[in-house]
Amino acid sequence: MKSYDNFFIKAKDLKESREFYENKLGLSLKFNFQDKGMIAFNVGDEEPAIILKDVKAFPDIKPTIWFVVEDVGEEYQKLKGKGVKFLSEPFEILTGMAVEFEDPSGNRLGITDYEKVRKD
């Protein structure tokens, strides 16, 4: 695990949540994919963002922390070999690949790489 990537949390109402994070907390909008059920906010100069996921689009959303790894496929195989049970096979995202799993207490975690960004 190289670093934190993003922190995902649920939003029951994206419009109301955007108002809260943007106007009450003073966070700046990083990206707006409301049409896909997500909006993200920067926290200071940090690269990791808080990403709100609309419960209408993601009904099983749990607070989730993603970590950056060099290669999701390799890390997936390594962790699977150690008994980590994944929620799915690795999947493609805008910047590379990702996959999620849960720890023994049910906390949701994920790994992602920036393979597409490195190739550009």
N, C-alpha and C. Protein backbone atom coordinates (compact mmCIF):
# COMPACT_ATOMS: atom_id res chain seq x y z
N MET A 1 0.86 -1.16 0.00
CA MET A 1 0.00 0.00 0.00
C MET A 1 0.91 1.23 0.00
N LYS A 2 0.76 2.05 -1.04
CA LYS A 2 1.64 3.20 -1.19
C LYS A 2 1.13 4.44 -0.46
N SER A 3 -0.18 4.68 -0.51
CA SER A 3 -0.75 5.87 0.10
C SER A 3 -2.27 5.74 0.12
N TYR A 4 -2.92 6.69 0.75
CA TYR A 4 -4.38 6.75 0.69
C TYR A 4 -4.77 7.22 -0.69
N ASP A 5 -5.93 6.75 -1.17
CA ASP A 5 -6.44 7.26 -2.43
C ASP A 5 -7.65 8.15 -2.14
N ASN A 6 -8.77 7.56 -1.83
CA ASN A 6 -9.98 8.35 -1.57
C ASN A 6 -10.77 7.74 -0.41
N PHE A 7 -11.66 8.56 0.12
CA PHE A 7 -12.55 8.15 1.20
C PHE A 7 -13.97 8.27 0.68
N PHE A 8 -14.69 7.17 0.63
CA PHE A 8 -16.05 7.14 0.10
C PHE A 8 -17.05 7.10 1.26
N ILE A 9 -18.05 7.96 1.18
CA ILE A 9 -19.12 7.94 2.17
C ILE A 9 -20.45 8.14 1.47
N LYS A 10 -21.53 7.73 2.15
CA LYS A 10 -22.84 7.77 1.52
C LYS A 10 -23.46 9.16 1.60
N ALA A 11 -24.32 9.42 0.64
CA ALA A 11 -25.11 10.64 0.62
C ALA A 11 -26.56 10.24 0.34
N LYS A 12 -27.45 10.60 1.25
CA LYS A 12 -28.87 10.32 1.04
C LYS A 12 -29.47 11.29 0.03
N ASP A 13 -28.89 12.50 -0.05
CA ASP A 13 -29.35 13.53 -0.97
C ASP A 13 -28.12 14.30 -1.43
N LEU A 14 -27.68 14.09 -2.69
CA LEU A 14 -26.45 14.71 -3.17
C LEU A 14 -26.50 16.23 -3.13
N LYS A 15 -27.64 16.81 -3.46
CA LYS A 15 -27.76 18.27 -3.46
C LYS A 15 -27.55 18.82 -2.04
N GLU A 16 -28.23 18.22 -1.07
CA GLU A 16 -28.10 18.65 0.31
C GLU A 16 -26.68 18.40 0.82
N SER A 17 -26.10 17.26 0.47
CA SER A 17 -24.74 16.95 0.90
C SER A 17 -23.73 17.90 0.28
N ARG A 18 -23.91 18.23 -0.99
CA ARG A 18 -22.99 19.17 -1.65
C ARG A 18 -23.04 20.52 -0.92
N GLU A 19 -24.22 20.96 -0.61
CA GLU A 19 -24.39 22.22 0.13
C GLU A 19 -23.60 22.16 1.44
N PHE A 20 -23.70 21.08 2.17
CA PHE A 20 -23.02 20.93 3.44
C PHE A 20 -21.50 20.97 3.27
N TYR A 21 -20.97 20.12 2.41
CA TYR A 21 -19.51 20.02 2.26
C TYR A 21 -18.90 21.26 1.62
N GLU A 22 -19.61 21.84 0.66
CA GLU A 22 -19.08 22.99 -0.05
C GLU A 22 -19.27 24.29 0.76
N ASN A 23 -20.46 24.54 1.22
CA ASN A 23 -20.77 25.83 1.83
C ASN A 23 -20.61 25.88 3.35
N LYS A 24 -20.85 24.78 4.01
CA LYS A 24 -20.69 24.79 5.48
C LYS A 24 -19.27 24.42 5.88
N LEU A 25 -18.72 23.36 5.28
CA LEU A 25 -17.35 22.96 5.62
C LEU A 25 -16.30 23.73 4.83
N GLY A 26 -16.70 24.34 3.71
CA GLY A 26 -15.77 25.13 2.91
C GLY A 26 -14.82 24.32 2.05
N LEU A 27 -15.18 23.07 1.75
CA LEU A 27 -14.33 22.24 0.88
C LEU A 27 -14.60 22.58 -0.58
N SER A 28 -13.55 22.48 -1.39
CA SER A 28 -13.73 22.78 -2.81
C SER A 28 -14.10 21.53 -3.59
N LEU A 29 -14.91 21.73 -4.60
CA LEU A 29 -15.36 20.63 -5.45
C LEU A 29 -14.19 20.11 -6.28
N LYS A 30 -13.94 18.82 -6.22
CA LYS A 30 -12.87 18.20 -7.02
C LYS A 30 -13.44 17.71 -8.34
N PHE A 31 -14.56 16.99 -8.29
CA PHE A 31 -15.26 16.61 -9.51
C PHE A 31 -16.73 16.39 -9.19
N ASN A 32 -17.55 16.53 -10.23
CA ASN A 32 -18.99 16.36 -10.09
C ASN A 32 -19.45 15.35 -11.14
N PHE A 33 -19.69 14.13 -10.70
CA PHE A 33 -20.23 13.07 -11.55
C PHE A 33 -21.61 12.72 -11.03
N GLN A 34 -22.42 13.76 -10.76
CA GLN A 34 -23.75 13.52 -10.21
C GLN A 34 -24.56 12.59 -11.09
N ASP A 35 -24.35 12.65 -12.40
CA ASP A 35 -25.07 11.76 -13.31
C ASP A 35 -24.71 10.29 -13.07
N LYS A 36 -23.53 10.05 -12.43
CA LYS A 36 -23.11 8.70 -12.08
C LYS A 36 -23.28 8.43 -10.58
N GLY A 37 -23.85 9.42 -9.87
CA GLY A 37 -24.12 9.25 -8.44
C GLY A 37 -22.97 9.58 -7.51
N MET A 38 -21.99 10.41 -7.99
CA MET A 38 -20.85 10.73 -7.14
C MET A 38 -20.44 12.20 -7.30
N ILE A 39 -20.03 12.79 -6.18
CA ILE A 39 -19.35 14.08 -6.21
C ILE A 39 -18.19 14.01 -5.22
N ALA A 40 -17.11 14.74 -5.51
CA ALA A 40 -15.91 14.65 -4.69
C ALA A 40 -15.45 16.04 -4.26
N PHE A 41 -14.83 16.06 -3.09
CA PHE A 41 -14.33 17.31 -2.52
C PHE A 41 -12.88 17.17 -2.12
N ASN A 42 -12.10 18.21 -2.40
CA ASN A 42 -10.72 18.29 -1.94
C ASN A 42 -10.70 18.64 -0.47
N VAL A 43 -9.70 18.13 0.22
CA VAL A 43 -9.44 18.52 1.60
C VAL A 43 -8.06 19.17 1.60
N GLY A 44 -8.05 20.49 1.63
CA GLY A 44 -6.78 21.22 1.56
C GLY A 44 -6.03 20.88 0.28
N ASP A 45 -4.73 20.67 0.41
CA ASP A 45 -3.88 20.35 -0.74
C ASP A 45 -3.66 18.85 -0.91
N GLU A 46 -4.39 18.05 -0.13
CA GLU A 46 -4.23 16.60 -0.19
C GLU A 46 -4.80 16.05 -1.50
N GLU A 47 -4.16 15.04 -2.05
CA GLU A 47 -4.68 14.39 -3.25
C GLU A 47 -5.92 13.54 -2.95
N PRO A 48 -5.91 12.74 -1.85
CA PRO A 48 -7.13 11.97 -1.56
C PRO A 48 -8.33 12.89 -1.35
N ALA A 49 -9.46 12.45 -1.86
CA ALA A 49 -10.68 13.25 -1.76
C ALA A 49 -11.72 12.52 -0.93
N ILE A 50 -12.70 13.29 -0.48
CA ILE A 50 -13.91 12.71 0.09
C ILE A 50 -14.90 12.59 -1.07
N ILE A 51 -15.32 11.37 -1.37
CA ILE A 51 -16.25 11.15 -2.47
C ILE A 51 -17.58 10.71 -1.89
N LEU A 52 -18.61 11.48 -2.19
CA LEU A 52 -19.96 11.16 -1.75
C LEU A 52 -20.61 10.29 -2.80
N LYS A 53 -21.18 9.16 -2.37
CA LYS A 53 -21.87 8.25 -3.28
C LYS A 53 -23.35 8.23 -2.93
N ASP A 54 -24.16 8.53 -3.91
CA ASP A 54 -25.61 8.59 -3.74
C ASP A 54 -26.16 7.19 -3.45
N VAL A 55 -26.91 7.07 -2.35
CA VAL A 55 -27.45 5.76 -1.98
C VAL A 55 -28.45 5.24 -3.01
N LYS A 56 -29.00 6.13 -3.83
CA LYS A 56 -29.92 5.68 -4.89
C LYS A 56 -29.16 4.93 -5.98
N ALA A 57 -27.94 5.36 -6.25
CA ALA A 57 -27.11 4.71 -7.27
C ALA A 57 -26.26 3.58 -6.68
N PHE A 58 -25.94 3.68 -5.39
CA PHE A 58 -25.09 2.70 -4.71
C PHE A 58 -25.77 2.27 -3.41
N PRO A 59 -26.82 1.46 -3.50
CA PRO A 59 -27.60 1.11 -2.31
C PRO A 59 -26.82 0.38 -1.22
N ASP A 60 -25.72 -0.30 -1.58
CA ASP A 60 -24.95 -1.04 -0.57
C ASP A 60 -23.71 -0.27 -0.10
N ILE A 61 -23.67 1.05 -0.35
CA ILE A 61 -22.50 1.85 0.02
C ILE A 61 -22.23 1.78 1.52
N LYS A 62 -20.98 1.58 1.84
CA LYS A 62 -20.48 1.65 3.21
C LYS A 62 -19.32 2.65 3.19
N PRO A 63 -19.03 3.30 4.30
CA PRO A 63 -17.81 4.11 4.31
C PRO A 63 -16.63 3.23 3.89
N THR A 64 -15.84 3.73 2.95
CA THR A 64 -14.78 2.93 2.35
C THR A 64 -13.51 3.75 2.20
N ILE A 65 -12.38 3.14 2.51
CA ILE A 65 -11.07 3.76 2.30
C ILE A 65 -10.37 2.98 1.20
N TRP A 66 -9.89 3.70 0.19
CA TRP A 66 -9.09 3.07 -0.87
C TRP A 66 -7.63 3.44 -0.68
N PHE A 67 -6.76 2.49 -1.03
CA PHE A 67 -5.32 2.68 -0.99
C PHE A 67 -4.77 2.58 -2.41
N VAL A 68 -3.72 3.32 -2.69
CA VAL A 68 -3.04 3.23 -3.99
C VAL A 68 -2.02 2.11 -3.92
N VAL A 69 -2.02 1.27 -4.94
CA VAL A 69 -1.01 0.22 -5.11
C VAL A 69 -0.41 0.37 -6.50
N GLU A 70 0.71 -0.27 -6.71
CA GLU A 70 1.35 -0.18 -8.02
C GLU A 70 0.52 -0.86 -9.10
N ASP A 71 0.02 -2.06 -8.80
CA ASP A 71 -0.71 -2.84 -9.78
C ASP A 71 -1.83 -3.61 -9.08
N VAL A 72 -3.07 -3.26 -9.37
CA VAL A 72 -4.21 -3.90 -8.70
C VAL A 72 -4.22 -5.40 -8.95
N GLY A 73 -3.96 -5.84 -10.16
CA GLY A 73 -3.98 -7.26 -10.48
C GLY A 73 -3.02 -8.06 -9.62
N GLU A 74 -1.79 -7.55 -9.50
CA GLU A 74 -0.78 -8.24 -8.69
C GLU A 74 -1.15 -8.23 -7.22
N GLU A 75 -1.58 -7.08 -6.71
CA GLU A 75 -1.93 -6.97 -5.29
C GLU A 75 -3.16 -7.82 -4.98
N TYR A 76 -4.11 -7.85 -5.90
CA TYR A 76 -5.31 -8.68 -5.75
C TYR A 76 -4.91 -10.15 -5.56
N GLN A 77 -4.04 -10.65 -6.43
CA GLN A 77 -3.60 -12.04 -6.34
C GLN A 77 -2.85 -12.31 -5.03
N LYS A 78 -1.99 -11.36 -4.64
CA LYS A 78 -1.21 -11.52 -3.42
C LYS A 78 -2.13 -11.57 -2.19
N LEU A 79 -3.07 -10.62 -2.11
CA LEU A 79 -3.98 -10.58 -0.96
C LEU A 79 -4.94 -11.78 -0.96
N LYS A 80 -5.39 -12.16 -2.15
CA LYS A 80 -6.28 -13.33 -2.26
C LYS A 80 -5.55 -14.58 -1.75
N GLY A 81 -4.28 -14.69 -2.07
CA GLY A 81 -3.46 -15.80 -1.59
C GLY A 81 -3.31 -15.82 -0.08
N LYS A 82 -3.48 -14.66 0.55
CA LYS A 82 -3.40 -14.56 2.01
C LYS A 82 -4.78 -14.70 2.66
N GLY A 83 -5.80 -15.02 1.85
CA GLY A 83 -7.12 -15.26 2.40
C GLY A 83 -8.07 -14.07 2.41
N VAL A 84 -7.68 -12.95 1.80
CA VAL A 84 -8.59 -11.81 1.73
C VAL A 84 -9.72 -12.15 0.77
N LYS A 85 -10.94 -11.92 1.20
CA LYS A 85 -12.12 -12.19 0.37
C LYS A 85 -12.60 -10.89 -0.25
N PHE A 86 -12.57 -10.83 -1.56
CA PHE A 86 -12.94 -9.62 -2.29
C PHE A 86 -14.43 -9.60 -2.60
N LEU A 87 -14.98 -8.42 -2.77
CA LEU A 87 -16.40 -8.25 -3.07
C LEU A 87 -16.70 -8.47 -4.55
N SER A 88 -15.66 -8.42 -5.39
CA SER A 88 -15.82 -8.62 -6.83
C SER A 88 -14.44 -8.91 -7.41
N GLU A 89 -14.42 -9.13 -8.69
CA GLU A 89 -13.16 -9.16 -9.42
C GLU A 89 -12.70 -7.71 -9.59
N PRO A 90 -11.41 -7.45 -9.86
CA PRO A 90 -10.98 -6.08 -10.15
C PRO A 90 -11.80 -5.49 -11.30
N PHE A 91 -12.09 -4.19 -11.20
CA PHE A 91 -12.90 -3.52 -12.22
C PHE A 91 -12.21 -2.24 -12.67
N GLU A 92 -12.56 -1.84 -13.89
CA GLU A 92 -11.96 -0.66 -14.50
C GLU A 92 -12.65 0.61 -14.00
N ILE A 93 -11.83 1.63 -13.71
CA ILE A 93 -12.31 2.96 -13.38
C ILE A 93 -11.62 3.95 -14.31
N LEU A 94 -11.92 5.23 -14.20
CA LEU A 94 -11.35 6.22 -15.12
C LEU A 94 -9.83 6.27 -15.11
N THR A 95 -9.20 6.01 -13.96
CA THR A 95 -7.75 6.15 -13.85
C THR A 95 -6.98 4.85 -13.89
N GLY A 96 -7.67 3.72 -13.82
CA GLY A 96 -6.97 2.44 -13.82
C GLY A 96 -7.90 1.31 -13.42
N MET A 97 -7.47 0.55 -12.44
CA MET A 97 -8.25 -0.58 -11.94
C MET A 97 -8.48 -0.41 -10.44
N ALA A 98 -9.52 -1.09 -9.93
CA ALA A 98 -9.82 -1.05 -8.50
C ALA A 98 -10.54 -2.33 -8.10
N VAL A 99 -10.56 -2.59 -6.81
CA VAL A 99 -11.32 -3.72 -6.25
C VAL A 99 -11.49 -3.46 -4.75
N GLU A 100 -12.61 -3.93 -4.21
CA GLU A 100 -12.90 -3.70 -2.80
C GLU A 100 -13.01 -5.01 -2.03
N PHE A 101 -12.79 -4.92 -0.72
CA PHE A 101 -12.88 -6.07 0.18
C PHE A 101 -13.25 -5.53 1.55
N GLU A 102 -13.52 -6.43 2.48
CA GLU A 102 -13.83 -6.02 3.85
C GLU A 102 -12.88 -6.69 4.81
N ASP A 103 -12.57 -5.98 5.89
CA ASP A 103 -11.73 -6.56 6.94
C ASP A 103 -12.60 -7.46 7.82
N PRO A 104 -12.02 -8.16 8.79
CA PRO A 104 -12.81 -9.09 9.62
C PRO A 104 -13.96 -8.43 10.38
N SER A 105 -13.91 -7.10 10.58
CA SER A 105 -14.98 -6.40 11.29
C SER A 105 -16.03 -5.82 10.35
N GLY A 106 -15.89 -6.05 9.05
CA GLY A 106 -16.86 -5.55 8.09
C GLY A 106 -16.57 -4.15 7.57
N ASN A 107 -15.41 -3.59 7.91
CA ASN A 107 -15.02 -2.29 7.36
C ASN A 107 -14.60 -2.47 5.91
N ARG A 108 -15.08 -1.59 5.05
CA ARG A 108 -14.80 -1.73 3.63
C ARG A 108 -13.54 -0.97 3.25
N LEU A 109 -12.69 -1.66 2.50
CA LEU A 109 -11.43 -1.12 2.01
C LEU A 109 -11.33 -1.41 0.53
N GLY A 110 -10.41 -0.75 -0.15
CA GLY A 110 -10.20 -1.03 -1.56
C GLY A 110 -8.79 -0.68 -1.97
N ILE A 111 -8.41 -1.18 -3.12
CA ILE A 111 -7.12 -0.84 -3.71
C ILE A 111 -7.37 -0.33 -5.12
N THR A 112 -6.53 0.57 -5.54
CA THR A 112 -6.63 1.13 -6.88
C THR A 112 -5.24 1.43 -7.40
N ASP A 113 -5.11 1.45 -8.70
CA ASP A 113 -3.84 1.88 -9.30
C ASP A 113 -4.15 3.02 -10.28
N TYR A 114 -3.12 3.62 -10.78
CA TYR A 114 -3.27 4.72 -11.73
C TYR A 114 -2.64 4.33 -13.07
N GLU A 115 -2.88 3.09 -13.46
CA GLU A 115 -2.30 2.53 -14.68
C GLU A 115 -2.61 3.38 -15.91
N LYS A 116 -3.83 3.83 -16.07
CA LYS A 116 -4.19 4.64 -17.24
C LYS A 116 -3.48 5.98 -17.23
N VAL A 117 -3.31 6.56 -16.07
CA VAL A 117 -2.66 7.86 -15.95
C VAL A 117 -1.18 7.73 -16.28
N ARG A 118 -0.54 6.65 -15.83
CA ARG A 118 0.89 6.43 -16.10
C ARG A 118 1.16 6.22 -17.59
N LYS A 119 0.19 5.67 -18.31
CA LYS A 119 0.38 5.41 -19.73
C LYS A 119 0.22 6.67 -20.58
N ASP A 120 -0.47 7.68 -20.06
CA ASP A 120 -0.70 8.92 -20.83
C ASP A 120 0.53 9.77 -20.92
